[in-house]
Amino acid sequence: MDKKIGFLNFGHWQPIPGSQVRTGADALLQTVELAQAAEELGVDGAYVRVHHFARQLASPFPLLSAIAARTSRIEIGTGVIDMRYENPLYMAEEAAAADLISAGRLQLGVSRGSPETALRGSEAFGYVPGEGSDDAELARQKTGLFLAAIDGAALVDADPRMVGGGARLAVQPQSPGLRERIWWGSGTRATAAWTAQQGMNLMSSTLLSEDTGVPFDELQAEQIALFRAAWADAGWTHEPRVSVSRSVMPITTDTDRQYFGGDRHSGDQVGLLEGVRARFGKNYAGEPDQLAEDLAKDAAVREADTLLLTIPNMLGVEYNARLLETITEHVAPAIGWVHPDRR
């Protein structure tokens, strides 16, 4: 199994001291610049987090298309799009367009979404769960329609005055192969099995909304194993992909030490999330050789084929490009990653 690494950009911006990302324009343009730098380093993917009503990245398709136009190899993706906010058919058009512009490099992560600052934010967008339903069911229903649309299903009746009677129409454009590059952001073992049944790749969440008492990486590894077993049972003919996210901060300079020197021994965090006991993974910070040793022991990193590195984007492009360079040279080889030029 080839290991891939990508960066995951939350796209924060704030006009505060020390921030290199002070406006929405900074966040967008610097993401494109970092993707270009990452491609030159051999990084496999440029992923963005999507949040609404916040000073973070919110409209992924123009941004991903801009990255695609300025790069030639790196995968472009999301981690994740909150489906509660989306019009599935319009999103299918946008996703196909971005995939065609990138020549098939789109890796699209979607999910029910994470806790947010907006109260009933998706309702403000015009989407309200039906009677007897809830947000999770709304997101799954929309995802089902989105998957049908990108799979080429004929979804609407044609106007017989235009094309004759009895015809049905599919969303256009279509991008062949995109259906196999959709991921579901899963926060439990049960939803991981559901993800496999739907034929979507698994994007294991940065937190799991359950806690069995075992370390986070072992719980994630169990989730991945259940996903792969359910995938085999479903009879899909292609191999699925699995990603996990980690905060990995190499400390090689005084600046690094100033920002991240206190995180070296931070472990798992356990707390309540929307009333449910949840487990969060630890941060990795330290000397590159120690990080390489620690990540090689991470059970979920071993089981996943893709590692997404959450970056401190407000420190700017130069800082994060250097961070990625250190990881590709001194850390990633320990988990089985090989530079694309040597694969």
C-alpha atoms as a PDB file:
ATOM      1  CA  MET A   1       0.000   0.000   0.000  1.00  0.00           C
ATOM      2  CA  ASP A   2       1.514   3.319  -1.119  1.00  0.00           C
ATOM      3  CA  LYS A   3       1.441   5.907   1.644  1.00  0.00           C
ATOM      4  CA  LYS A   4       0.357   9.388   0.704  1.00  0.00           C
ATOM      5  CA  ILE A   5       0.625  12.596   2.675  1.00  0.00           C
ATOM      6  CA  GLY A   6      -1.301  15.813   2.233  1.00  0.00           C
ATOM      7  CA  PHE A   7      -1.810  19.037   4.124  1.00  0.00           C
ATOM      8  CA  LEU A   8      -5.170  20.008   5.599  1.00  0.00           C
ATOM      9  CA  ASN A   9      -5.770  23.753   5.794  1.00  0.00           C
ATOM     10  CA  PHE A  10      -8.523  25.080   8.057  1.00  0.00           C
ATOM     11  CA  GLY A  11      -8.016  28.490   6.442  1.00  0.00           C
ATOM     12  CA  HIS A  12      -8.239  30.665   9.534  1.00  0.00           C
ATOM     13  CA  TRP A  13      -7.721  34.391   9.149  1.00  0.00           C
ATOM     14  CA  GLN A  14      -7.582  37.080  11.808  1.00  0.00           C
ATOM     15  CA  PRO A  15      -6.100  40.623  11.813  1.00  0.00           C
ATOM     16  CA  ILE A  16      -4.167  39.996  15.021  1.00  0.00           C
ATOM     17  CA  PRO A  17      -0.478  40.353  15.991  1.00  0.00           C
ATOM     18  CA  GLY A  18       1.640  37.576  14.523  1.00  0.00           C
ATOM     19  CA  SER A  19      -0.919  36.502  11.928  1.00  0.00           C
ATOM     20  CA  GLN A  20       0.305  36.263   8.341  1.00  0.00           C
ATOM     21  CA  VAL A  21      -3.284  35.636   7.207  1.00  0.00           C
ATOM     22  CA  ARG A  22      -5.277  38.736   7.987  1.00  0.00           C
ATOM     23  CA  THR A  23      -8.101  38.696   5.427  1.00  0.00           C
ATOM     24  CA  GLY A  24     -10.263  36.273   3.497  1.00  0.00           C
ATOM     25  CA  ALA A  25      -8.237  37.046   0.396  1.00  0.00           C
ATOM     26  CA  ASP A  26      -5.032  36.133   2.252  1.00  0.00           C
ATOM     27  CA  ALA A  27      -6.516  32.781   3.282  1.00  0.00           C
ATOM     28  CA  LEU A  28      -7.572  31.901  -0.249  1.00  0.00           C
ATOM     29  CA  LEU A  29      -4.499  33.089  -2.141  1.00  0.00           C
ATOM     30  CA  GLN A  30      -2.033  31.655   0.369  1.00  0.00           C
ATOM     31  CA  THR A  31      -3.744  28.259   0.124  1.00  0.00           C
ATOM     32  CA  VAL A  32      -3.072  28.272  -3.617  1.00  0.00           C
ATOM     33  CA  GLU A  33       0.558  29.314  -3.020  1.00  0.00           C
ATOM     34  CA  LEU A  34       1.076  26.606  -0.413  1.00  0.00           C
ATOM     35  CA  ALA A  35      -0.383  23.966  -2.728  1.00  0.00           C
ATOM     36  CA  GLN A  36       2.135  24.971  -5.390  1.00  0.00           C
ATOM     37  CA  ALA A  37       5.002  24.760  -2.895  1.00  0.00           C
ATOM     38  CA  ALA A  38       3.731  21.435  -1.566  1.00  0.00           C
ATOM     39  CA  GLU A  39       3.588  19.944  -5.054  1.00  0.00           C
ATOM     40  CA  GLU A  40       7.212  20.932  -5.635  1.00  0.00           C
ATOM     41  CA  LEU A  41       8.148  19.126  -2.396  1.00  0.00           C
ATOM     42  CA  GLY A  42       6.386  15.934  -3.494  1.00  0.00           C
ATOM     43  CA  VAL A  43       3.418  16.241  -1.126  1.00  0.00           C
ATOM     44  CA  ASP A  44       0.500  14.245  -2.517  1.00  0.00           C
ATOM     45  CA  GLY A  45      -2.533  16.298  -1.536  1.00  0.00           C
ATOM     46  CA  ALA A  46      -3.858  19.786  -0.775  1.00  0.00           C
ATOM     47  CA  TYR A  47      -7.033  19.588   1.319  1.00  0.00           C
ATOM     48  CA  VAL A  48      -9.199  22.324   2.808  1.00  0.00           C
ATOM     49  CA  ARG A  49     -11.621  22.315   5.724  1.00  0.00           C
ATOM     50  CA  VAL A  50     -15.021  23.930   5.112  1.00  0.00           C
ATOM     51  CA  HIS A  51     -16.842  25.996   7.760  1.00  0.00           C
ATOM     52  CA  HIS A  52     -19.648  28.521   7.436  1.00  0.00           C
ATOM     53  CA  PHE A  53     -20.293  31.750   9.370  1.00  0.00           C
ATOM     54  CA  ALA A  54     -16.652  31.773  10.494  1.00  0.00           C
ATOM     55  CA  ARG A  55     -13.364  33.370   9.456  1.00  0.00           C
ATOM     56  CA  GLN A  56     -12.314  30.170   7.737  1.00  0.00           C
ATOM     57  CA  LEU A  57     -12.507  28.696   4.248  1.00  0.00           C
ATOM     58  CA  ALA A  58     -16.146  28.242   3.227  1.00  0.00           C
ATOM     59  CA  SER A  59     -16.539  27.904  -0.570  1.00  0.00           C
ATOM     60  CA  PRO A  60     -14.197  25.132  -1.679  1.00  0.00           C
ATOM     61  CA  PHE A  61     -14.861  24.713  -5.396  1.00  0.00           C
ATOM     62  CA  PRO A  62     -13.511  28.054  -6.676  1.00  0.00           C
ATOM     63  CA  LEU A  63     -10.466  27.552  -4.462  1.00  0.00           C
ATOM     64  CA  LEU A  64      -9.851  23.955  -5.541  1.00  0.00           C
ATOM     65  CA  SER A  65     -10.271  24.931  -9.186  1.00  0.00           C
ATOM     66  CA  ALA A  66      -7.706  27.715  -8.733  1.00  0.00           C
ATOM     67  CA  ILE A  67      -5.278  25.225  -7.190  1.00  0.00           C
ATOM     68  CA  ALA A  68      -5.917  22.809 -10.051  1.00  0.00           C
ATOM     69  CA  ALA A  69      -5.155  25.501 -12.619  1.00  0.00           C
ATOM     70  CA  ARG A  70      -1.818  26.324 -10.942  1.00  0.00           C
ATOM     71  CA  THR A  71      -0.643  22.725 -10.358  1.00  0.00           C
ATOM     72  CA  SER A  72      -0.362  19.524 -12.372  1.00  0.00           C
ATOM     73  CA  ARG A  73       0.016  16.554 -10.022  1.00  0.00           C
ATOM     74  CA  ILE A  74      -1.143  17.205  -6.469  1.00  0.00           C
ATOM     75  CA  GLU A  75      -4.546  15.884  -5.389  1.00  0.00           C
ATOM     76  CA  ILE A  76      -7.083  18.522  -4.375  1.00  0.00           C
ATOM     77  CA  GLY A  77      -9.723  17.803  -1.789  1.00  0.00           C
ATOM     78  CA  THR A  78     -11.906  18.721   1.155  1.00  0.00           C
ATOM     79  CA  GLY A  79     -11.950  17.518   4.713  1.00  0.00           C
ATOM     80  CA  VAL A  80     -14.923  17.948   4.872  1.00  0.00           C
ATOM     81  CA  ILE A  81     -17.949  19.628   3.255  1.00  0.00           C
ATOM     82  CA  ASP A  82     -20.964  19.785   5.567  1.00  0.00           C
ATOM     83  CA  MET A  83     -23.740  18.328   3.415  1.00  0.00           C
ATOM     84  CA  ARG A  84     -26.464  19.966   5.496  1.00  0.00           C
ATOM     85  CA  TYR A  85     -25.625  23.260   3.751  1.00  0.00           C
ATOM     86  CA  GLU A  86     -25.483  21.946   0.186  1.00  0.00           C
ATOM     87  CA  ASN A  87     -27.765  21.773  -2.841  1.00  0.00           C
ATOM     88  CA  PRO A  88     -26.775  18.274  -4.043  1.00  0.00           C
ATOM     89  CA  LEU A  89     -27.393  18.854  -7.761  1.00  0.00           C
ATOM     90  CA  TYR A  90     -25.607  22.213  -7.910  1.00  0.00           C
ATOM     91  CA  MET A  91     -22.775  20.683  -5.898  1.00  0.00           C
ATOM     92  CA  ALA A  92     -22.587  17.816  -8.417  1.00  0.00           C
ATOM     93  CA  GLU A  93     -22.116  20.357 -11.210  1.00  0.00           C
ATOM     94  CA  GLU A  94     -19.407  22.191  -9.268  1.00  0.00           C
ATOM     95  CA  ALA A  95     -17.603  18.995  -8.267  1.00  0.00           C
ATOM     96  CA  ALA A  96     -17.569  17.659 -11.831  1.00  0.00           C
ATOM     97  CA  ALA A  97     -16.281  20.994 -13.139  1.00  0.00           C
ATOM     98  CA  ALA A  98     -13.461  21.110 -10.572  1.00  0.00           C
ATOM     99  CA  ASP A  99     -12.578  17.495 -11.342  1.00  0.00           C
ATOM    100  CA  LEU A 100     -12.439  18.125 -15.077  1.00  0.00           C
ATOM    101  CA  ILE A 101     -10.283  21.229 -14.583  1.00  0.00           C
ATOM    102  CA  SER A 102      -7.897  19.159 -12.454  1.00  0.00           C
ATOM    103  CA  ALA A 103      -7.871  16.195 -14.856  1.00  0.00           C
ATOM    104  CA  GLY A 104      -9.301  13.829 -12.261  1.00  0.00           C
ATOM    105  CA  ARG A 105      -7.415  14.943  -9.157  1.00  0.00           C
ATOM    106  CA  LEU A 106     -10.426  15.771  -6.955  1.00  0.00           C
ATOM    107  CA  GLN A 107     -10.730  13.815  -3.672  1.00  0.00           C
ATOM    108  CA  LEU A 108     -13.940  15.113  -2.135  1.00  0.00           C
ATOM    109  CA  GLY A 109     -14.610  14.610   1.574  1.00  0.00           C
ATOM    110  CA  VAL A 110     -18.196  15.129   2.744  1.00  0.00           C
ATOM    111  CA  SER A 111     -20.087  14.433   5.966  1.00  0.00           C
ATOM    112  CA  ARG A 112     -22.851  15.454   8.317  1.00  0.00           C
ATOM    113  CA  GLY A 113     -20.522  18.191   9.554  1.00  0.00           C
ATOM    114  CA  SER A 114     -19.003  19.106  12.888  1.00  0.00           C
ATOM    115  CA  PRO A 115     -20.211  21.290  15.767  1.00  0.00           C
ATOM    116  CA  GLU A 116     -20.300  24.923  14.697  1.00  0.00           C
ATOM    117  CA  THR A 117     -20.746  28.414  16.068  1.00  0.00           C
ATOM    118  CA  ALA A 118     -23.889  29.140  14.033  1.00  0.00           C
ATOM    119  CA  LEU A 119     -27.178  28.165  15.619  1.00  0.00           C
ATOM    120  CA  ARG A 120     -29.110  26.188  12.968  1.00  0.00           C
ATOM    121  CA  GLY A 121     -26.805  27.588  10.324  1.00  0.00           C
ATOM    122  CA  SER A 122     -27.933  25.208   7.591  1.00  0.00           C
ATOM    123  CA  GLU A 123     -31.521  26.333   8.179  1.00  0.00           C
ATOM    124  CA  ALA A 124     -30.383  29.878   7.380  1.00  0.00           C
ATOM    125  CA  PHE A 125     -29.223  28.464   4.032  1.00  0.00           C
ATOM    126  CA  GLY A 126     -32.762  27.178   3.514  1.00  0.00           C
ATOM    127  CA  TYR A 127     -32.348  23.524   4.467  1.00  0.00           C
ATOM    128  CA  VAL A 128     -34.540  22.165   7.264  1.00  0.00           C
ATOM    129  CA  PRO A 129     -34.850  18.477   8.167  1.00  0.00           C
ATOM    130  CA  GLY A 130     -38.249  17.008   7.385  1.00  0.00           C
ATOM    131  CA  GLU A 131     -40.694  16.121  10.113  1.00  0.00           C
ATOM    132  CA  GLY A 132     -39.429  13.154  12.085  1.00  0.00           C
ATOM    133  CA  SER A 133     -35.932  13.562  10.607  1.00  0.00           C
ATOM    134  CA  ASP A 134     -32.750  15.190  11.911  1.00  0.00           C
ATOM    135  CA  ASP A 135     -29.536  16.801  10.685  1.00  0.00           C
ATOM    136  CA  ALA A 136     -27.738  13.485  10.245  1.00  0.00           C
ATOM    137  CA  GLU A 137     -30.528  12.035   8.119  1.00  0.00           C
ATOM    138  CA  LEU A 138     -30.744  15.240   6.068  1.00  0.00           C
ATOM    139  CA  ALA A 139     -27.005  15.029   5.318  1.00  0.00           C
ATOM    140  CA  ARG A 140     -27.266  11.374   4.294  1.00  0.00           C
ATOM    141  CA  GLN A 141     -30.260  11.986   2.031  1.00  0.00           C
ATOM    142  CA  LYS A 142     -28.461  14.836   0.303  1.00  0.00           C
ATOM    143  CA  THR A 143     -25.340  12.720  -0.060  1.00  0.00           C
ATOM    144  CA  GLY A 144     -27.347   9.946  -1.702  1.00  0.00           C
ATOM    145  CA  LEU A 145     -28.747  12.386  -4.261  1.00  0.00           C
ATOM    146  CA  PHE A 146     -25.304  13.900  -4.857  1.00  0.00           C
ATOM    147  CA  LEU A 147     -23.784  10.451  -5.460  1.00  0.00           C
ATOM    148  CA  ALA A 148     -26.550   9.551  -7.899  1.00  0.00           C
ATOM    149  CA  ALA A 149     -25.996  12.824  -9.757  1.00  0.00           C
ATOM    150  CA  ILE A 150     -22.248  12.413 -10.219  1.00  0.00           C
ATOM    151  CA  ASP A 151     -22.857   8.775 -11.197  1.00  0.00           C
ATOM    152  CA  GLY A 152     -24.875   9.982 -14.183  1.00  0.00           C
ATOM    153  CA  ALA A 153     -28.370   9.073 -13.019  1.00  0.00           C
ATOM    154  CA  ALA A 154     -31.235  10.607 -15.005  1.00  0.00           C
ATOM    155  CA  LEU A 155     -32.900  12.633 -12.277  1.00  0.00           C
ATOM    156  CA  VAL A 156     -35.412  14.995 -13.880  1.00  0.00           C
ATOM    157  CA  ASP A 157     -38.027  14.776 -16.605  1.00  0.00           C
ATOM    158  CA  ALA A 158     -37.186  16.581 -19.813  1.00  0.00           C
ATOM    159  CA  ASP A 159     -39.549  19.170 -21.195  1.00  0.00           C
ATOM    160  CA  PRO A 160     -41.321  17.272 -24.019  1.00  0.00           C
ATOM    161  CA  ARG A 161     -41.551  20.507 -25.996  1.00  0.00           C
ATOM    162  CA  MET A 162     -37.748  20.568 -26.113  1.00  0.00           C
ATOM    163  CA  VAL A 163     -36.581  16.957 -26.423  1.00  0.00           C
ATOM    164  CA  GLY A 164     -39.617  14.762 -26.929  1.00  0.00           C
ATOM    165  CA  GLY A 165     -41.732  12.820 -24.508  1.00  0.00           C
ATOM    166  CA  GLY A 166     -40.500  10.335 -21.922  1.00  0.00           C
ATOM    167  CA  ALA A 167     -36.888  11.550 -21.723  1.00  0.00           C
ATOM    168  CA  ARG A 168     -35.068  12.133 -18.457  1.00  0.00           C
ATOM    169  CA  LEU A 169     -31.983  14.243 -17.902  1.00  0.00           C
ATOM    170  CA  ALA A 170     -28.776  13.923 -15.907  1.00  0.00           C
ATOM    171  CA  VAL A 171     -26.756  16.733 -14.380  1.00  0.00           C
ATOM    172  CA  GLN A 172     -23.990  18.038 -16.638  1.00  0.00           C
ATOM    173  CA  PRO A 173     -21.059  18.002 -16.893  1.00  0.00           C
ATOM    174  CA  GLN A 174     -20.112  14.492 -15.885  1.00  0.00           C
ATOM    175  CA  SER A 175     -16.587  13.545 -14.801  1.00  0.00           C
ATOM    176  CA  PRO A 176     -15.896   9.805 -15.175  1.00  0.00           C
ATOM    177  CA  GLY A 177     -14.311   8.237 -12.104  1.00  0.00           C
ATOM    178  CA  LEU A 178     -15.346  10.945  -9.664  1.00  0.00           C
ATOM    179  CA  ARG A 179     -17.800   8.642  -7.887  1.00  0.00           C
ATOM    180  CA  GLU A 180     -14.881   6.506  -6.648  1.00  0.00           C
ATOM    181  CA  ARG A 181     -13.136   9.577  -5.202  1.00  0.00           C
ATOM    182  CA  ILE A 182     -15.805  10.616  -2.711  1.00  0.00           C
ATOM    183  CA  TRP A 183     -14.955  10.260   0.993  1.00  0.00           C
ATOM    184  CA  TRP A 184     -17.166  10.329   4.072  1.00  0.00           C
ATOM    185  CA  GLY A 185     -15.904  11.957   7.272  1.00  0.00           C
ATOM    186  CA  SER A 186     -16.716   9.364   9.917  1.00  0.00           C
ATOM    187  CA  GLY A 187     -16.621   9.933  13.670  1.00  0.00           C
ATOM    188  CA  THR A 188     -17.773   6.486  14.871  1.00  0.00           C
ATOM    189  CA  ARG A 189     -17.249   2.831  14.098  1.00  0.00           C
ATOM    190  CA  ALA A 190     -20.882   2.460  13.040  1.00  0.00           C
ATOM    191  CA  THR A 191     -20.689   5.268  10.477  1.00  0.00           C
ATOM    192  CA  ALA A 192     -17.450   3.782   9.141  1.00  0.00           C
ATOM    193  CA  ALA A 193     -19.337   0.591   8.308  1.00  0.00           C
ATOM    194  CA  TRP A 194     -22.135   2.654   6.728  1.00  0.00           C
ATOM    195  CA  THR A 195     -19.533   4.529   4.665  1.00  0.00           C
ATOM    196  CA  ALA A 196     -18.243   1.253   3.238  1.00  0.00           C
ATOM    197  CA  GLN A 197     -21.769   0.109   2.392  1.00  0.00           C
ATOM    198  CA  GLN A 198     -22.242   3.305   0.346  1.00  0.00           C
ATOM    199  CA  GLY A 199     -18.993   2.733  -1.565  1.00  0.00           C
ATOM    200  CA  MET A 200     -17.281   5.850  -0.236  1.00  0.00           C
ATOM    201  CA  ASN A 201     -13.700   6.140   0.982  1.00  0.00           C
ATOM    202  CA  LEU A 202     -13.168   6.656   4.708  1.00  0.00           C
ATOM    203  CA  MET A 203     -11.934   9.955   6.104  1.00  0.00           C
ATOM    204  CA  SER A 204     -11.546   9.163   9.788  1.00  0.00           C
ATOM    205  CA  SER A 205     -12.377  12.233  11.834  1.00  0.00           C
ATOM    206  CA  THR A 206      -9.927  14.285  13.884  1.00  0.00           C
ATOM    207  CA  LEU A 207     -12.115  13.231  16.810  1.00  0.00           C
ATOM    208  CA  LEU A 208     -14.285  10.206  17.478  1.00  0.00           C
ATOM    209  CA  SER A 209     -17.628  10.755  19.170  1.00  0.00           C
ATOM    210  CA  GLU A 210     -17.278   7.612  21.251  1.00  0.00           C
ATOM    211  CA  ASP A 211     -14.820   6.461  23.873  1.00  0.00           C
ATOM    212  CA  THR A 212     -14.094   2.846  24.745  1.00  0.00           C
ATOM    213  CA  GLY A 213     -11.135   3.623  26.976  1.00  0.00           C
ATOM    214  CA  VAL A 214      -8.450   2.641  24.464  1.00  0.00           C
ATOM    215  CA  PRO A 215      -6.004   5.202  23.031  1.00  0.00           C
ATOM    216  CA  PHE A 216      -7.289   7.310  20.131  1.00  0.00           C
ATOM    217  CA  ASP A 217      -5.015   5.718  17.522  1.00  0.00           C
ATOM    218  CA  GLU A 218      -6.140   2.219  18.512  1.00  0.00           C
ATOM    219  CA  LEU A 219      -9.806   3.225  18.386  1.00  0.00           C
ATOM    220  CA  GLN A 220      -9.228   4.679  14.927  1.00  0.00           C
ATOM    221  CA  ALA A 221      -7.417   1.513  13.823  1.00  0.00           C
ATOM    222  CA  GLU A 222     -10.437  -0.505  14.977  1.00  0.00           C
ATOM    223  CA  GLN A 223     -12.710   1.834  13.017  1.00  0.00           C
ATOM    224  CA  ILE A 224     -10.563   1.338   9.897  1.00  0.00           C
ATOM    225  CA  ALA A 225     -10.651  -2.453  10.279  1.00  0.00           C
ATOM    226  CA  LEU A 226     -14.451  -2.410  10.556  1.00  0.00           C
ATOM    227  CA  PHE A 227     -14.640  -0.211   7.461  1.00  0.00           C
ATOM    228  CA  ARG A 228     -12.492  -2.579   5.419  1.00  0.00           C
ATOM    229  CA  ALA A 229     -14.476  -5.617   6.572  1.00  0.00           C
ATOM    230  CA  ALA A 230     -17.752  -3.912   5.625  1.00  0.00           C
ATOM    231  CA  TRP A 231     -16.252  -2.918   2.275  1.00  0.00           C
ATOM    232  CA  ALA A 232     -15.371  -6.532   1.516  1.00  0.00           C
ATOM    233  CA  ASP A 233     -18.848  -7.687   2.565  1.00  0.00           C
ATOM    234  CA  ALA A 234     -20.450  -5.091   0.264  1.00  0.00           C
ATOM    235  CA  GLY A 235     -18.657  -6.608  -2.727  1.00  0.00           C
ATOM    236  CA  TRP A 236     -17.155  -3.461  -4.188  1.00  0.00           C
ATOM    237  CA  THR A 237     -14.622  -4.264  -6.907  1.00  0.00           C
ATOM    238  CA  HIS A 238     -12.154  -1.404  -6.396  1.00  0.00           C
ATOM    239  CA  GLU A 239      -9.865  -0.773  -3.441  1.00  0.00           C
ATOM    240  CA  PRO A 240     -10.995   1.897  -0.972  1.00  0.00           C
ATOM    241  CA  ARG A 241      -8.824   4.593   0.512  1.00  0.00           C
ATOM    242  CA  VAL A 242      -8.563   5.629   4.155  1.00  0.00           C
ATOM    243  CA  SER A 243      -7.171   8.847   5.634  1.00  0.00           C
ATOM    244  CA  VAL A 244      -6.395  10.008   9.140  1.00  0.00           C
ATOM    245  CA  SER A 245      -5.404  13.504  10.239  1.00  0.00           C
ATOM    246  CA  ARG A 246      -2.617  14.443  12.626  1.00  0.00           C
ATOM    247  CA  SER A 247      -1.043  17.635  13.895  1.00  0.00           C
ATOM    248  CA  VAL A 248       2.710  17.096  13.340  1.00  0.00           C
ATOM    249  CA  MET A 249       5.017  19.950  14.305  1.00  0.00           C
ATOM    250  CA  PRO A 250       8.755  19.408  13.802  1.00  0.00           C
ATOM    251  CA  ILE A 251      10.843  21.561  16.127  1.00  0.00           C
ATOM    252  CA  THR A 252      14.067  22.604  14.439  1.00  0.00           C
ATOM    253  CA  THR A 253      14.330  26.336  15.185  1.00  0.00           C
ATOM    254  CA  ASP A 254      13.782  28.718  18.067  1.00  0.00           C
ATOM    255  CA  THR A 255      10.616  29.922  16.332  1.00  0.00           C
ATOM    256  CA  ASP A 256       9.261  26.376  16.253  1.00  0.00           C
ATOM    257  CA  ARG A 257      10.133  25.967  19.905  1.00  0.00           C
ATOM    258  CA  GLN A 258       8.376  29.210  20.780  1.00  0.00           C
ATOM    259  CA  TYR A 259       5.151  28.115  19.116  1.00  0.00           C
ATOM    260  CA  PHE A 260       5.059  24.360  19.740  1.00  0.00           C
ATOM    261  CA  GLY A 261       7.727  23.432  22.275  1.00  0.00           C
ATOM    262  CA  GLY A 262       5.161  22.885  25.024  1.00  0.00           C
ATOM    263  CA  ASP A 263       3.150  20.276  23.083  1.00  0.00           C
ATOM    264  CA  ARG A 264       5.689  17.449  23.067  1.00  0.00           C
ATOM    265  CA  HIS A 265       4.048  15.199  25.642  1.00  0.00           C
ATOM    266  CA  SER A 266       0.394  16.069  25.061  1.00  0.00           C
ATOM    267  CA  GLY A 267      -1.723  12.907  24.979  1.00  0.00           C
ATOM    268  CA  ASP A 268      -5.254  11.996  24.019  1.00  0.00           C
ATOM    269  CA  GLN A 269      -8.037  14.290  25.148  1.00  0.00           C
ATOM    270  CA  VAL A 270     -11.418  13.038  26.317  1.00  0.00           C
ATOM    271  CA  GLY A 271     -14.463  15.259  26.709  1.00  0.00           C
ATOM    272  CA  LEU A 272     -18.119  15.828  25.906  1.00  0.00           C
ATOM    273  CA  LEU A 273     -19.122  16.768  22.373  1.00  0.00           C
ATOM    274  CA  GLU A 274     -22.807  17.565  21.855  1.00  0.00           C
ATOM    275  CA  GLY A 275     -23.531  15.573  24.991  1.00  0.00           C
ATOM    276  CA  VAL A 276     -21.580  12.493  23.873  1.00  0.00           C
ATOM    277  CA  ARG A 277     -18.276  11.349  25.344  1.00  0.00           C
ATOM    278  CA  ALA A 278     -15.640  11.823  22.649  1.00  0.00           C
ATOM    279  CA  ARG A 279     -11.936  11.108  22.242  1.00  0.00           C
ATOM    280  CA  PHE A 280      -9.531  13.476  20.482  1.00  0.00           C
ATOM    281  CA  GLY A 281      -6.094  12.524  19.225  1.00  0.00           C
ATOM    282  CA  LYS A 282      -2.892  13.966  20.586  1.00  0.00           C
ATOM    283  CA  ASN A 283      -0.638  16.507  18.919  1.00  0.00           C
ATOM    284  CA  TYR A 284       2.819  15.456  17.753  1.00  0.00           C
ATOM    285  CA  ALA A 285       5.558  18.010  18.354  1.00  0.00           C
ATOM    286  CA  GLY A 286       9.283  17.461  18.782  1.00  0.00           C
ATOM    287  CA  GLU A 287      12.582  16.830  17.059  1.00  0.00           C
ATOM    288  CA  PRO A 288      12.113  15.260  13.604  1.00  0.00           C
ATOM    289  CA  ASP A 289      13.745  11.928  14.501  1.00  0.00           C
ATOM    290  CA  GLN A 290      11.510  11.570  17.558  1.00  0.00           C
ATOM    291  CA  LEU A 291       8.434  12.459  15.521  1.00  0.00           C
ATOM    292  CA  ALA A 292       9.360   9.813  12.975  1.00  0.00           C
ATOM    293  CA  GLU A 293       9.604   7.209  15.743  1.00  0.00           C
ATOM    294  CA  ASP A 294       6.311   8.289  17.350  1.00  0.00           C
ATOM    295  CA  LEU A 295       4.322   8.359  14.111  1.00  0.00           C
ATOM    296  CA  ALA A 296       5.643   4.935  13.098  1.00  0.00           C
ATOM    297  CA  LYS A 297       4.065   3.579  16.304  1.00  0.00           C
ATOM    298  CA  ASP A 298       0.673   5.216  15.654  1.00  0.00           C
ATOM    299  CA  ALA A 299      -1.730   2.335  14.965  1.00  0.00           C
ATOM    300  CA  ALA A 300      -4.117   4.332  12.771  1.00  0.00           C
ATOM    301  CA  VAL A 301      -1.347   5.988  10.762  1.00  0.00           C
ATOM    302  CA  ARG A 302      -0.037   2.504  10.014  1.00  0.00           C
ATOM    303  CA  GLU A 303      -3.448   1.296   8.835  1.00  0.00           C
ATOM    304  CA  ALA A 304      -4.383   4.320   6.713  1.00  0.00           C
ATOM    305  CA  ASP A 305      -3.014   4.904   3.218  1.00  0.00           C
ATOM    306  CA  THR A 306      -3.213   8.709   3.528  1.00  0.00           C
ATOM    307  CA  LEU A 307      -2.018  10.999   6.312  1.00  0.00           C
ATOM    308  CA  LEU A 308      -3.393  14.539   6.326  1.00  0.00           C
ATOM    309  CA  LEU A 309      -1.222  17.025   8.188  1.00  0.00           C
ATOM    310  CA  THR A 310      -3.155  19.836   9.832  1.00  0.00           C
ATOM    311  CA  ILE A 311      -1.121  23.006   9.429  1.00  0.00           C
ATOM    312  CA  PRO A 312      -0.905  26.275  11.402  1.00  0.00           C
ATOM    313  CA  ASN A 313      -1.953  28.273   8.353  1.00  0.00           C
ATOM    314  CA  MET A 314      -1.936  31.662  10.097  1.00  0.00           C
ATOM    315  CA  LEU A 315       1.853  31.441  10.295  1.00  0.00           C
ATOM    316  CA  GLY A 316       1.985  31.921   6.524  1.00  0.00           C
ATOM    317  CA  VAL A 317       3.143  30.138   3.394  1.00  0.00           C
ATOM    318  CA  GLU A 318       6.890  30.294   4.033  1.00  0.00           C
ATOM    319  CA  TYR A 319       6.603  28.784   7.516  1.00  0.00           C
ATOM    320  CA  ASN A 320       4.273  25.997   6.407  1.00  0.00           C
ATOM    321  CA  ALA A 321       6.282  25.162   3.308  1.00  0.00           C
ATOM    322  CA  ARG A 322       9.341  24.725   5.525  1.00  0.00           C
ATOM    323  CA  LEU A 323       7.296  22.575   7.917  1.00  0.00           C
ATOM    324  CA  LEU A 324       6.197  20.316   5.045  1.00  0.00           C
ATOM    325  CA  GLU A 325       9.743  20.128   3.713  1.00  0.00           C
ATOM    326  CA  THR A 326      11.026  18.947   7.100  1.00  0.00           C
ATOM    327  CA  ILE A 327       8.278  16.325   7.311  1.00  0.00           C
ATOM    328  CA  THR A 328       8.864  14.974   3.797  1.00  0.00           C
ATOM    329  CA  GLU A 329      12.613  14.735   4.345  1.00  0.00           C
ATOM    330  CA  HIS A 330      12.850  13.501   7.926  1.00  0.00           C
ATOM    331  CA  VAL A 331       9.494  12.194   9.178  1.00  0.00           C
ATOM    332  CA  ALA A 332       7.269  10.798   6.422  1.00  0.00           C
ATOM    333  CA  PRO A 333       9.725   8.088   5.249  1.00  0.00           C
ATOM    334  CA  ALA A 334       9.352   6.425   8.665  1.00  0.00           C
ATOM    335  CA  ILE A 335       5.680   5.664   7.935  1.00  0.00           C
ATOM    336  CA  GLY A 336       6.379   4.272   4.472  1.00  0.00           C
ATOM    337  CA  TRP A 337       5.999   7.416   2.380  1.00  0.00           C
ATOM    338  CA  VAL A 338       8.145   7.635  -0.760  1.00  0.00           C
ATOM    339  CA  HIS A 339       8.631  10.737  -2.880  1.00  0.00           C
ATOM    340  CA  PRO A 340       6.500  10.506  -6.061  1.00  0.00           C
ATOM    341  CA  ASP A 341       9.586  10.672  -8.273  1.00  0.00           C
ATOM    342  CA  ARG A 342      10.844   7.431  -6.728  1.00  0.00           C
ATOM    343  CA  ARG A 343       7.616   5.401  -6.773  1.00  0.00           C
END
